[in-house]
């Protein structure tokens, strides 16, 4: 699977599927969020909503991850 392309699709979408939720949860766990939960397109990075990581949409997280990738690599 091409994670980058999938993230770009999610960044632009306004809906998501349960498969998208599973993929995002797996990706976040690989990126260092071992307790991440994604339920119905809502990301709980710490496994629940916290002040540091309030619940966000799967689309918002796709934008965040792509921005970090762009900033670290100098391109998208």
PDB file of N, CA and C in Angstrom:
ATOM      1  N   UNK A   1       0.840  -1.201   0.000  1.00  0.00           N
ATOM      2  CA  UNK A   1       0.000   0.000   0.000  1.00  0.00           C
ATOM      3  C   UNK A   1       0.868   1.241   0.000  1.00  0.00           C
ATOM      4  N   UNK A   2       0.439   2.227  -0.741  1.00  0.00           N
ATOM      5  CA  UNK A   2       1.125   3.501  -0.800  1.00  0.00           C
ATOM      6  C   UNK A   2       0.495   4.430   0.241  1.00  0.00           C
ATOM      7  N   UNK A   3       1.136   4.522   1.408  1.00  0.00           N
ATOM      8  CA  UNK A   3       0.592   5.325   2.511  1.00  0.00           C
ATOM      9  C   UNK A   3       0.441   6.788   2.131  1.00  0.00           C
ATOM     10  N   UNK A   4       1.430   7.302   1.437  1.00  0.00           N
ATOM     11  CA  UNK A   4       1.410   8.721   1.085  1.00  0.00           C
ATOM     12  C   UNK A   4       0.207   9.052   0.205  1.00  0.00           C
ATOM     13  N   UNK A   5      -0.052   8.225  -0.795  1.00  0.00           N
ATOM     14  CA  UNK A   5      -1.197   8.461  -1.677  1.00  0.00           C
ATOM     15  C   UNK A   5      -2.512   8.333  -0.911  1.00  0.00           C
ATOM     16  N   UNK A   6      -2.595   7.327  -0.041  1.00  0.00           N
ATOM     17  CA  UNK A   6      -3.805   7.148   0.764  1.00  0.00           C
ATOM     18  C   UNK A   6      -4.032   8.366   1.664  1.00  0.00           C
ATOM     19  N   UNK A   7      -2.966   8.878   2.285  1.00  0.00           N
ATOM     20  CA  UNK A   7      -3.091  10.060   3.132  1.00  0.00           C
ATOM     21  C   UNK A   7      -3.558  11.273   2.335  1.00  0.00           C
ATOM     22  N   UNK A   8      -3.039  11.431   1.119  1.00  0.00           N
ATOM     23  CA  UNK A   8      -3.480  12.542   0.269  1.00  0.00           C
ATOM     24  C   UNK A   8      -4.964  12.413  -0.051  1.00  0.00           C
ATOM     25  N   UNK A   9      -5.417  11.203  -0.306  1.00  0.00           N
ATOM     26  CA  UNK A   9      -6.841  10.977  -0.571  1.00  0.00           C
ATOM     27  C   UNK A   9      -7.672  11.336   0.660  1.00  0.00           C
ATOM     28  N   UNK A  10      -7.203  10.894   1.830  1.00  0.00           N
ATOM     29  CA  UNK A  10      -7.944  11.171   3.072  1.00  0.00           C
ATOM     30  C   UNK A  10      -7.947  12.666   3.391  1.00  0.00           C
ATOM     31  N   UNK A  11      -6.848  13.335   3.088  1.00  0.00           N
ATOM     32  CA  UNK A  11      -6.746  14.775   3.352  1.00  0.00           C
ATOM     33  C   UNK A  11      -7.834  15.546   2.611  1.00  0.00           C
ATOM     34  N   UNK A  12      -8.156  15.107   1.407  1.00  0.00           N
ATOM     35  CA  UNK A  12      -9.117  15.816   0.566  1.00  0.00           C
ATOM     36  C   UNK A  12     -10.547  15.317   0.722  1.00  0.00           C
ATOM     37  N   UNK A  13     -10.733  14.137   1.301  1.00  0.00           N
ATOM     38  CA  UNK A  13     -12.063  13.530   1.401  1.00  0.00           C
ATOM     39  C   UNK A  13     -12.902  14.176   2.507  1.00  0.00           C
ATOM     40  N   UNK A  14     -14.200  13.950   2.426  1.00  0.00           N
ATOM     41  CA  UNK A  14     -15.072  14.406   3.512  1.00  0.00           C
ATOM     42  C   UNK A  14     -15.815  13.232   4.155  1.00  0.00           C
ATOM     43  N   UNK A  15     -15.489  12.017   3.729  1.00  0.00           N
ATOM     44  CA  UNK A  15     -16.041  10.816   4.345  1.00  0.00           C
ATOM     45  C   UNK A  15     -14.906   9.805   4.507  1.00  0.00           C
ATOM     46  N   UNK A  16     -15.155   8.778   5.308  1.00  0.00           N
ATOM     47  CA  UNK A  16     -14.181   7.709   5.469  1.00  0.00           C
ATOM     48  C   UNK A  16     -14.922   6.409   5.761  1.00  0.00           C
ATOM     49  N   UNK A  17     -14.218   5.311   5.566  1.00  0.00           N
ATOM     50  CA  UNK A  17     -14.798   3.991   5.798  1.00  0.00           C
ATOM     51  C   UNK A  17     -14.170   3.366   7.045  1.00  0.00           C
ATOM     52  N   UNK A  18     -14.713   2.242   7.461  1.00  0.00           N
ATOM     53  CA  UNK A  18     -14.125   1.514   8.580  1.00  0.00           C
ATOM     54  C   UNK A  18     -12.719   1.042   8.215  1.00  0.00           C
ATOM     55  N   UNK A  19     -12.501   0.696   6.957  1.00  0.00           N
ATOM     56  CA  UNK A  19     -11.161   0.307   6.505  1.00  0.00           C
ATOM     57  C   UNK A  19     -10.198   1.476   6.646  1.00  0.00           C
ATOM     58  N   UNK A  20     -10.640   2.682   6.320  1.00  0.00           N
ATOM     59  CA  UNK A  20      -9.801   3.869   6.511  1.00  0.00           C
ATOM     60  C   UNK A  20      -9.441   4.034   7.984  1.00  0.00           C
ATOM     61  N   UNK A  21     -10.405   3.800   8.864  1.00  0.00           N
ATOM     62  CA  UNK A  21     -10.147   3.894  10.306  1.00  0.00           C
ATOM     63  C   UNK A  21      -9.089   2.881  10.725  1.00  0.00           C
ATOM     64  N   UNK A  22      -9.194   1.656  10.235  1.00  0.00           N
ATOM     65  CA  UNK A  22      -8.209   0.620  10.574  1.00  0.00           C
ATOM     66  C   UNK A  22      -6.822   0.991  10.049  1.00  0.00           C
ATOM     67  N   UNK A  23      -6.765   1.508   8.827  1.00  0.00           N
ATOM     68  CA  UNK A  23      -5.481   1.902   8.250  1.00  0.00           C
ATOM     69  C   UNK A  23      -4.845   3.044   9.032  1.00  0.00           C
ATOM     70  N   UNK A  24      -5.629   4.048   9.389  1.00  0.00           N
ATOM     71  CA  UNK A  24      -5.095   5.178  10.148  1.00  0.00           C
ATOM     72  C   UNK A  24      -4.604   4.723  11.517  1.00  0.00           C
ATOM     73  N   UNK A  25      -5.360   3.857  12.172  1.00  0.00           N
ATOM     74  CA  UNK A  25      -4.950   3.364  13.482  1.00  0.00           C
ATOM     75  C   UNK A  25      -3.619   2.621  13.376  1.00  0.00           C
ATOM     76  N   UNK A  26      -3.473   1.777  12.375  1.00  0.00           N
ATOM     77  CA  UNK A  26      -2.219   1.044  12.169  1.00  0.00           C
ATOM     78  C   UNK A  26      -1.064   2.006  11.899  1.00  0.00           C
ATOM     79  N   UNK A  27      -1.304   3.004  11.071  1.00  0.00           N
ATOM     80  CA  UNK A  27      -0.261   3.979  10.743  1.00  0.00           C
ATOM     81  C   UNK A  27       0.159   4.757  11.986  1.00  0.00           C
ATOM     82  N   UNK A  28      -0.806   5.232  12.765  1.00  0.00           N
ATOM     83  CA  UNK A  28      -0.477   5.999  13.966  1.00  0.00           C
ATOM     84  C   UNK A  28       0.323   5.163  14.954  1.00  0.00           C
ATOM     85  N   UNK A  29      -0.009   3.901  15.081  1.00  0.00           N
ATOM     86  CA  UNK A  29       0.751   3.032  15.984  1.00  0.00           C
ATOM     87  C   UNK A  29       2.179   2.871  15.489  1.00  0.00           C
ATOM     88  N   UNK A  30       2.376   2.800  14.180  1.00  0.00           N
ATOM     89  CA  UNK A  30       3.727   2.724  13.620  1.00  0.00           C
ATOM     90  C   UNK A  30       4.498   4.020  13.845  1.00  0.00           C
ATOM     91  N   UNK A  31       3.769   5.126  13.910  1.00  0.00           N
ATOM     92  CA  UNK A  31       4.398   6.440  14.083  1.00  0.00           C
ATOM     93  C   UNK A  31       4.636   6.806  15.542  1.00  0.00           C
ATOM     94  N   UNK A  32       4.354   5.883  16.461  1.00  0.00           N
ATOM     95  CA  UNK A  32       4.674   6.140  17.860  1.00  0.00           C
ATOM     96  C   UNK A  32       3.497   6.481  18.756  1.00  0.00           C
ATOM     97  N   UNK A  33       2.307   6.193  18.329  1.00  0.00           N
ATOM     98  CA  UNK A  33       1.118   6.389  19.151  1.00  0.00           C
ATOM     99  C   UNK A  33       0.537   5.009  19.470  1.00  0.00           C
ATOM    100  N   UNK A  34       1.134   4.291  20.433  1.00  0.00           N
ATOM    101  CA  UNK A  34       0.758   2.896  20.672  1.00  0.00           C
ATOM    102  C   UNK A  34      -0.676   2.698  21.164  1.00  0.00           C
ATOM    103  N   UNK A  35      -1.276   3.729  21.716  1.00  0.00           N
ATOM    104  CA  UNK A  35      -2.636   3.610  22.239  1.00  0.00           C
ATOM    105  C   UNK A  35      -3.685   4.213  21.309  1.00  0.00           C
ATOM    106  N   UNK A  36      -3.255   4.642  20.129  1.00  0.00           N
ATOM    107  CA  UNK A  36      -4.167   5.308  19.191  1.00  0.00           C
ATOM    108  C   UNK A  36      -5.377   4.430  18.894  1.00  0.00           C
ATOM    109  N   UNK A  37      -6.532   5.080  18.850  1.00  0.00           N
ATOM    110  CA  UNK A  37      -7.789   4.432  18.480  1.00  0.00           C
ATOM    111  C   UNK A  37      -8.450   5.323  17.444  1.00  0.00           C
ATOM    112  N   UNK A  38      -9.025   4.700  16.444  1.00  0.00           N
ATOM    113  CA  UNK A  38      -9.767   5.436  15.423  1.00  0.00           C
ATOM    114  C   UNK A  38     -11.127   4.774  15.314  1.00  0.00           C
ATOM    115  N   UNK A  39     -12.157   5.531  15.657  1.00  0.00           N
ATOM    116  CA  UNK A  39     -13.517   5.010  15.674  1.00  0.00           C
ATOM    117  C   UNK A  39     -14.395   5.911  14.823  1.00  0.00           C
ATOM    118  N   UNK A  40     -15.003   5.325  13.813  1.00  0.00           N
ATOM    119  CA  UNK A  40     -15.917   6.069  12.929  1.00  0.00           C
ATOM    120  C   UNK A  40     -15.297   7.357  12.391  1.00  0.00           C
ATOM    121  N   UNK A  41     -14.027   7.284  12.030  1.00  0.00           N
ATOM    122  CA  UNK A  41     -13.361   8.436  11.432  1.00  0.00           C
ATOM    123  C   UNK A  41     -12.865   9.471  12.415  1.00  0.00           C
ATOM    124  N   UNK A  42     -12.955   9.183  13.722  1.00  0.00           N
ATOM    125  CA  UNK A  42     -12.450  10.090  14.750  1.00  0.00           C
ATOM    126  C   UNK A  42     -11.204   9.471  15.373  1.00  0.00           C
ATOM    127  N   UNK A  43     -10.122  10.250  15.420  1.00  0.00           N
ATOM    128  CA  UNK A  43      -8.846   9.767  15.937  1.00  0.00           C
ATOM    129  C   UNK A  43      -8.692  10.187  17.394  1.00  0.00           C
ATOM    130  N   UNK A  44      -8.383   9.205  18.228  1.00  0.00           N
ATOM    131  CA  UNK A  44      -8.038   9.406  19.633  1.00  0.00           C
ATOM    132  C   UNK A  44      -6.575   8.971  19.757  1.00  0.00           C
ATOM    133  N   UNK A  45      -5.655   9.908  19.609  1.00  0.00           N
ATOM    134  CA  UNK A  45      -4.231   9.583  19.543  1.00  0.00           C
ATOM    135  C   UNK A  45      -3.720   8.920  20.818  1.00  0.00           C
ATOM    136  N   UNK A  46      -4.272   9.267  21.954  1.00  0.00           N
ATOM    137  CA  UNK A  46      -3.858   8.679  23.228  1.00  0.00           C
ATOM    138  C   UNK A  46      -4.824   7.587  23.693  1.00  0.00           C
ATOM    139  N   UNK A  47      -5.682   7.138  22.809  1.00  0.00           N
ATOM    140  CA  UNK A  47      -6.664   6.117  23.169  1.00  0.00           C
ATOM    141  C   UNK A  47      -7.948   6.708  23.720  1.00  0.00           C
ATOM    142  N   UNK A  48      -7.915   7.977  24.031  1.00  0.00           N
ATOM    143  CA  UNK A  48      -9.070   8.741  24.498  1.00  0.00           C
ATOM    144  C   UNK A  48      -8.748  10.212  24.264  1.00  0.00           C
ATOM    145  N   UNK A  49      -9.734  11.042  24.333  1.00  0.00           N
ATOM    146  CA  UNK A  49      -9.491  12.469  24.157  1.00  0.00           C
ATOM    147  C   UNK A  49      -8.769  13.042  25.363  1.00  0.00           C
ATOM    148  N   UNK A  50      -7.707  13.809  25.133  1.00  0.00           N
ATOM    149  CA  UNK A  50      -6.975  14.480  26.206  1.00  0.00           C
ATOM    150  C   UNK A  50      -6.795  15.947  25.821  1.00  0.00           C
ATOM    151  N   UNK A  51      -6.337  16.753  26.771  1.00  0.00           N
ATOM    152  CA  UNK A  51      -6.085  18.154  26.451  1.00  0.00           C
ATOM    153  C   UNK A  51      -4.988  18.302  25.404  1.00  0.00           C
ATOM    154  N   UNK A  52      -3.963  17.464  25.496  1.00  0.00           N
ATOM    155  CA  UNK A  52      -2.867  17.531  24.529  1.00  0.00           C
ATOM    156  C   UNK A  52      -3.275  16.985  23.169  1.00  0.00           C
ATOM    157  N   UNK A  53      -4.123  15.969  23.165  1.00  0.00           N
ATOM    158  CA  UNK A  53      -4.572  15.325  21.929  1.00  0.00           C
ATOM    159  C   UNK A  53      -6.087  15.152  21.952  1.00  0.00           C
ATOM    160  N   UNK A  54      -6.824  16.229  21.699  1.00  0.00           N
ATOM    161  CA  UNK A  54      -8.283  16.097  21.653  1.00  0.00           C
ATOM    162  C   UNK A  54      -8.697  15.276  20.431  1.00  0.00           C
ATOM    163  N   UNK A  55      -9.894  14.719  20.444  1.00  0.00           N
ATOM    164  CA  UNK A  55     -10.353  13.963  19.275  1.00  0.00           C
ATOM    165  C   UNK A  55     -10.329  14.848  18.028  1.00  0.00           C
ATOM    166  N   UNK A  56      -9.829  14.284  16.945  1.00  0.00           N
ATOM    167  CA  UNK A  56      -9.754  14.987  15.662  1.00  0.00           C
ATOM    168  C   UNK A  56     -10.242  14.042  14.572  1.00  0.00           C
ATOM    169  N   UNK A  57     -10.658  14.597  13.476  1.00  0.00           N
ATOM    170  CA  UNK A  57     -11.095  13.755  12.358  1.00  0.00           C
ATOM    171  C   UNK A  57      -9.908  13.051  11.720  1.00  0.00           C
ATOM    172  N   UNK A  58     -10.184  11.964  11.079  1.00  0.00           N
ATOM    173  CA  UNK A  58      -9.166  11.216  10.344  1.00  0.00           C
ATOM    174  C   UNK A  58      -8.559  12.100   9.252  1.00  0.00           C
ATOM    175  N   UNK A  59      -9.357  13.002   8.712  1.00  0.00           N
ATOM    176  CA  UNK A  59      -8.900  13.907   7.649  1.00  0.00           C
ATOM    177  C   UNK A  59      -7.901  14.925   8.193  1.00  0.00           C
ATOM    178  N   UNK A  60      -8.159  15.424   9.407  1.00  0.00           N
ATOM    179  CA  UNK A  60      -7.236  16.367  10.035  1.00  0.00           C
ATOM    180  C   UNK A  60      -5.895  15.694  10.305  1.00  0.00           C
ATOM    181  N   UNK A  61      -5.935  14.445  10.774  1.00  0.00           N
ATOM    182  CA  UNK A  61      -4.688  13.718  11.027  1.00  0.00           C
ATOM    183  C   UNK A  61      -3.939  13.443   9.732  1.00  0.00           C
ATOM    184  N   UNK A  62      -4.635  13.167   8.665  1.00  0.00           N
ATOM    185  CA  UNK A  62      -3.969  12.965   7.373  1.00  0.00           C
ATOM    186  C   UNK A  62      -3.221  14.236   6.982  1.00  0.00           C
ATOM    187  N   UNK A  63      -3.859  15.397   7.175  1.00  0.00           N
ATOM    188  CA  UNK A  63      -3.196  16.670   6.865  1.00  0.00           C
ATOM    189  C   UNK A  63      -1.970  16.871   7.756  1.00  0.00           C
ATOM    190  N   UNK A  64      -2.096  16.561   9.047  1.00  0.00           N
ATOM    191  CA  UNK A  64      -0.990  16.725   9.995  1.00  0.00           C
ATOM    192  C   UNK A  64       0.198  15.848   9.595  1.00  0.00           C
ATOM    193  N   UNK A  65      -0.066  14.584   9.314  1.00  0.00           N
ATOM    194  CA  UNK A  65       1.006  13.650   8.965  1.00  0.00           C
ATOM    195  C   UNK A  65       1.691  14.083   7.679  1.00  0.00           C
ATOM    196  N   UNK A  66       0.918  14.487   6.677  1.00  0.00           N
ATOM    197  CA  UNK A  66       1.516  14.934   5.420  1.00  0.00           C
ATOM    198  C   UNK A  66       2.330  16.208   5.608  1.00  0.00           C
ATOM    199  N   UNK A  67       1.882  17.116   6.451  1.00  0.00           N
ATOM    200  CA  UNK A  67       2.636  18.341   6.714  1.00  0.00           C
ATOM    201  C   UNK A  67       3.960  18.011   7.395  1.00  0.00           C
ATOM    202  N   UNK A  68       3.936  17.123   8.369  1.00  0.00           N
ATOM    203  CA  UNK A  68       5.171  16.720   9.047  1.00  0.00           C
ATOM    204  C   UNK A  68       6.124  16.078   8.038  1.00  0.00           C
ATOM    205  N   UNK A  69       5.601  15.187   7.202  1.00  0.00           N
ATOM    206  CA  UNK A  69       6.423  14.537   6.180  1.00  0.00           C
ATOM    207  C   UNK A  69       7.042  15.582   5.256  1.00  0.00           C
ATOM    208  N   UNK A  70       6.239  16.541   4.837  1.00  0.00           N
ATOM    209  CA  UNK A  70       6.724  17.593   3.940  1.00  0.00           C
ATOM    210  C   UNK A  70       7.813  18.421   4.626  1.00  0.00           C
ATOM    211  N   UNK A  71       7.583  18.798   5.883  1.00  0.00           N
ATOM    212  CA  UNK A  71       8.553  19.595   6.612  1.00  0.00           C
ATOM    213  C   UNK A  71       9.868  18.848   6.826  1.00  0.00           C
ATOM    214  N   UNK A  72       9.789  17.545   7.098  1.00  0.00           N
ATOM    215  CA  UNK A  72      11.002  16.758   7.341  1.00  0.00           C
ATOM    216  C   UNK A  72      11.747  16.449   6.052  1.00  0.00           C
ATOM    217  N   UNK A  73      11.025  16.208   4.980  1.00  0.00           N
ATOM    218  CA  UNK A  73      11.662  15.823   3.728  1.00  0.00           C
ATOM    219  C   UNK A  73      11.902  17.000   2.796  1.00  0.00           C
ATOM    220  N   UNK A  74      11.264  18.129   3.090  1.00  0.00           N
ATOM    221  CA  UNK A  74      11.428  19.289   2.242  1.00  0.00           C
ATOM    222  C   UNK A  74      10.578  19.252   0.984  1.00  0.00           C
ATOM    223  N   UNK A  75       9.680  18.273   0.896  1.00  0.00           N
ATOM    224  CA  UNK A  75       8.769  18.160  -0.241  1.00  0.00           C
ATOM    225  C   UNK A  75       7.594  17.279   0.157  1.00  0.00           C
ATOM    226  N   UNK A  76       6.597  17.247  -0.709  1.00  0.00           N
ATOM    227  CA  UNK A  76       5.441  16.391  -0.431  1.00  0.00           C
ATOM    228  C   UNK A  76       5.408  15.252  -1.342  1.00  0.00           C
TER     229      UNK A  76
END
